[in-house]
Amino acid sequence: QVQVVESGGGLVQDGGSLRLSCVVSGSIFSIAAMGWYRQTPGNERELVARIARRDRTDYADSVKGRFTISRDNAKNTAYLQMNRLKPADPAVYFCLAERVATPDSFKDSWGQGTPVTVSS
């Protein structure tokens, strides 16, 4: 069974930084891509950043130049370095592991989310 666990969220001041981590565990052969999404109450979950094979990355326009996604394939872990956090950034941040291949399955898996709060 695949588990996706995020960590690193918390309270930070306006302009501060946080680093989120996402660890995927289980009998994993491969993970096609990993992404960070965020969601605020009453709104849909939106893509923040995504990293695919060969470290190809995509970012939401609102975070370009401030957030950086990276991945350690050997540890099945993705990171999101968030700098210059703004009052518009608070949300629950979710990690998505795409097309996770195990002996029994081949599917996407979501984590439970980690909250990020920015104080002004």
C-alpha atoms as a PDB file:
ATOM      1  CA  GLN A   1       0.000   0.000   0.000  1.00  0.00           C
ATOM      2  CA  VAL A   2       1.286   3.437  -0.930  1.00  0.00           C
ATOM      3  CA  GLN A   3       1.416   6.193   1.662  1.00  0.00           C
ATOM      4  CA  VAL A   4       2.049   9.857   0.905  1.00  0.00           C
ATOM      5  CA  VAL A   5       2.983  12.012   3.891  1.00  0.00           C
ATOM      6  CA  GLU A   6       3.600  15.747   3.814  1.00  0.00           C
ATOM      7  CA  SER A   7       5.413  17.738   6.479  1.00  0.00           C
ATOM      8  CA  GLY A   8       6.930  21.155   7.027  1.00  0.00           C
ATOM      9  CA  GLY A   9       3.863  23.340   7.113  1.00  0.00           C
ATOM     10  CA  GLY A  10       3.276  25.893   9.825  1.00  0.00           C
ATOM     11  CA  LEU A  11       3.062  29.567  10.654  1.00  0.00           C
ATOM     12  CA  VAL A  12       5.474  32.008   9.069  1.00  0.00           C
ATOM     13  CA  GLN A  13       5.649  35.771   8.821  1.00  0.00           C
ATOM     14  CA  ASP A  14       4.909  37.666   5.641  1.00  0.00           C
ATOM     15  CA  GLY A  15       8.065  37.456   3.524  1.00  0.00           C
ATOM     16  CA  GLY A  16       9.348  34.389   5.316  1.00  0.00           C
ATOM     17  CA  SER A  17      10.234  30.913   4.075  1.00  0.00           C
ATOM     18  CA  LEU A  18       9.127  27.335   4.597  1.00  0.00           C
ATOM     19  CA  ARG A  19      10.244  24.037   3.147  1.00  0.00           C
ATOM     20  CA  LEU A  20       7.662  21.330   2.629  1.00  0.00           C
ATOM     21  CA  SER A  21       8.556  17.669   2.267  1.00  0.00           C
ATOM     22  CA  CYS A  22       6.574  14.824   0.740  1.00  0.00           C
ATOM     23  CA  VAL A  23       7.619  11.230   1.342  1.00  0.00           C
ATOM     24  CA  VAL A  24       6.074   8.372  -0.625  1.00  0.00           C
ATOM     25  CA  SER A  25       6.435   4.962   0.989  1.00  0.00           C
ATOM     26  CA  GLY A  26       5.541   1.397   0.055  1.00  0.00           C
ATOM     27  CA  SER A  27       6.812  -1.215  -2.382  1.00  0.00           C
ATOM     28  CA  ILE A  28       7.426   1.327  -5.103  1.00  0.00           C
ATOM     29  CA  PHE A  29       8.957   0.615  -8.474  1.00  0.00           C
ATOM     30  CA  SER A  30       8.616   4.114  -9.861  1.00  0.00           C
ATOM     31  CA  ILE A  31       6.807   7.432  -9.577  1.00  0.00           C
ATOM     32  CA  ALA A  32       6.155   9.291 -12.813  1.00  0.00           C
ATOM     33  CA  ALA A  33       5.840  12.765 -11.341  1.00  0.00           C
ATOM     34  CA  MET A  34       5.216  14.563  -8.069  1.00  0.00           C
ATOM     35  CA  GLY A  35       3.305  17.727  -7.535  1.00  0.00           C
ATOM     36  CA  TRP A  36       2.274  20.196  -4.883  1.00  0.00           C
ATOM     37  CA  TYR A  37      -1.245  21.555  -4.841  1.00  0.00           C
ATOM     38  CA  ARG A  38      -2.987  23.915  -2.465  1.00  0.00           C
ATOM     39  CA  GLN A  39      -6.555  24.466  -1.416  1.00  0.00           C
ATOM     40  CA  THR A  40      -8.375  27.105   0.600  1.00  0.00           C
ATOM     41  CA  PRO A  41     -11.909  26.759   2.003  1.00  0.00           C
ATOM     42  CA  GLY A  42     -14.570  26.961  -0.687  1.00  0.00           C
ATOM     43  CA  ASN A  43     -12.079  26.771  -3.519  1.00  0.00           C
ATOM     44  CA  GLU A  44     -10.818  24.052  -5.782  1.00  0.00           C
ATOM     45  CA  ARG A  45      -7.438  22.490  -5.327  1.00  0.00           C
ATOM     46  CA  GLU A  46      -4.926  24.213  -7.578  1.00  0.00           C
ATOM     47  CA  LEU A  47      -1.537  23.229  -8.904  1.00  0.00           C
ATOM     48  CA  VAL A  48       1.394  25.020  -7.288  1.00  0.00           C
ATOM     49  CA  ALA A  49       4.350  23.148  -8.747  1.00  0.00           C
ATOM     50  CA  ARG A  50       5.061  19.843 -10.429  1.00  0.00           C
ATOM     51  CA  ILE A  51       8.224  17.910 -11.242  1.00  0.00           C
ATOM     52  CA  ALA A  52       8.256  15.131 -13.791  1.00  0.00           C
ATOM     53  CA  ARG A  53      10.867  12.844 -15.266  1.00  0.00           C
ATOM     54  CA  ARG A  54      14.197  14.400 -16.133  1.00  0.00           C
ATOM     55  CA  ASP A  55      13.349  17.101 -13.560  1.00  0.00           C
ATOM     56  CA  ARG A  56      11.026  18.961 -15.874  1.00  0.00           C
ATOM     57  CA  THR A  57       9.168  21.481 -13.722  1.00  0.00           C
ATOM     58  CA  ASP A  58       5.996  23.526 -13.992  1.00  0.00           C
ATOM     59  CA  TYR A  59       4.859  26.324 -11.711  1.00  0.00           C
ATOM     60  CA  ALA A  60       1.733  28.356 -11.169  1.00  0.00           C
ATOM     61  CA  ASP A  61       2.300  31.926 -12.309  1.00  0.00           C
ATOM     62  CA  SER A  62       1.618  33.180  -8.801  1.00  0.00           C
ATOM     63  CA  VAL A  63       4.616  31.345  -7.348  1.00  0.00           C
ATOM     64  CA  LYS A  64       7.189  31.575 -10.140  1.00  0.00           C
ATOM     65  CA  GLY A  65      10.435  33.008  -8.862  1.00  0.00           C
ATOM     66  CA  ARG A  66       9.484  32.377  -5.225  1.00  0.00           C
ATOM     67  CA  PHE A  67       8.873  28.625  -4.946  1.00  0.00           C
ATOM     68  CA  THR A  68      11.156  25.815  -6.051  1.00  0.00           C
ATOM     69  CA  ILE A  69      10.199  22.167  -6.376  1.00  0.00           C
ATOM     70  CA  SER A  70      12.806  19.443  -6.239  1.00  0.00           C
ATOM     71  CA  ARG A  71      12.883  15.687  -5.998  1.00  0.00           C
ATOM     72  CA  ASP A  72      15.088  12.959  -4.571  1.00  0.00           C
ATOM     73  CA  ASN A  73      14.198   9.856  -6.556  1.00  0.00           C
ATOM     74  CA  ALA A  74      16.272   7.562  -4.363  1.00  0.00           C
ATOM     75  CA  LYS A  75      14.190   8.591  -1.346  1.00  0.00           C
ATOM     76  CA  ASN A  76      10.846   8.905  -3.200  1.00  0.00           C
ATOM     77  CA  THR A  77      10.681  12.400  -1.764  1.00  0.00           C
ATOM     78  CA  ALA A  78       9.722  15.782  -3.155  1.00  0.00           C
ATOM     79  CA  TYR A  79      10.354  19.175  -1.627  1.00  0.00           C
ATOM     80  CA  LEU A  80       8.812  22.583  -2.041  1.00  0.00           C
ATOM     81  CA  GLN A  81      10.989  25.489  -0.982  1.00  0.00           C
ATOM     82  CA  MET A  82       8.738  28.484  -0.483  1.00  0.00           C
ATOM     83  CA  ASN A  83      10.395  31.881  -0.207  1.00  0.00           C
ATOM     84  CA  ARG A  84       8.959  35.378   0.111  1.00  0.00           C
ATOM     85  CA  LEU A  85       5.646  34.003   1.315  1.00  0.00           C
ATOM     86  CA  LYS A  86       2.709  36.347   0.872  1.00  0.00           C
ATOM     87  CA  PRO A  87      -0.715  36.719   2.499  1.00  0.00           C
ATOM     88  CA  ALA A  88      -2.164  35.080  -0.654  1.00  0.00           C
ATOM     89  CA  ASP A  89      -0.220  31.855  -0.069  1.00  0.00           C
ATOM     90  CA  PRO A  90      -1.907  30.377   3.049  1.00  0.00           C
ATOM     91  CA  ALA A  91      -3.680  27.121   2.286  1.00  0.00           C
ATOM     92  CA  VAL A  92      -3.508  23.442   2.931  1.00  0.00           C
ATOM     93  CA  TYR A  93      -0.738  22.112   0.720  1.00  0.00           C
ATOM     94  CA  PHE A  94      -1.183  18.629  -0.696  1.00  0.00           C
ATOM     95  CA  CYS A  95       1.307  16.346  -2.382  1.00  0.00           C
ATOM     96  CA  LEU A  96       0.322  14.204  -5.359  1.00  0.00           C
ATOM     97  CA  ALA A  97       2.427  11.238  -6.442  1.00  0.00           C
ATOM     98  CA  GLU A  98       1.453  10.457 -10.035  1.00  0.00           C
ATOM     99  CA  ARG A  99       1.299   6.998 -11.559  1.00  0.00           C
ATOM    100  CA  VAL A 100       2.958   5.213  -8.661  1.00  0.00           C
ATOM    101  CA  ALA A 101       3.932   1.717  -9.780  1.00  0.00           C
ATOM    102  CA  THR A 102       3.880  -1.067  -7.179  1.00  0.00           C
ATOM    103  CA  PRO A 103       3.568  -4.858  -7.535  1.00  0.00           C
ATOM    104  CA  ASP A 104      -0.198  -4.496  -7.114  1.00  0.00           C
ATOM    105  CA  SER A 105      -1.172  -1.156  -8.585  1.00  0.00           C
ATOM    106  CA  PHE A 106      -0.445   1.740 -10.880  1.00  0.00           C
ATOM    107  CA  LYS A 107      -2.251   4.867  -9.748  1.00  0.00           C
ATOM    108  CA  ASP A 108      -2.088   8.383  -8.374  1.00  0.00           C
ATOM    109  CA  SER A 109      -1.865   8.883  -4.611  1.00  0.00           C
ATOM    110  CA  TRP A 110      -2.597  11.980  -2.543  1.00  0.00           C
ATOM    111  CA  GLY A 111      -1.320  12.931   0.875  1.00  0.00           C
ATOM    112  CA  GLN A 112      -3.436  14.323   3.687  1.00  0.00           C
ATOM    113  CA  GLY A 113      -2.063  17.835   3.410  1.00  0.00           C
ATOM    114  CA  THR A 114      -0.060  20.201   5.564  1.00  0.00           C
ATOM    115  CA  PRO A 115      -1.334  23.672   6.467  1.00  0.00           C
ATOM    116  CA  VAL A 116       0.590  26.853   5.757  1.00  0.00           C
ATOM    117  CA  THR A 117      -0.318  30.110   7.464  1.00  0.00           C
ATOM    118  CA  VAL A 118       1.223  33.514   6.797  1.00  0.00           C
ATOM    119  CA  SER A 119       0.961  36.281   9.370  1.00  0.00           C
ATOM    120  CA  SER A 120       1.193  39.912   8.360  1.00  0.00           C
END
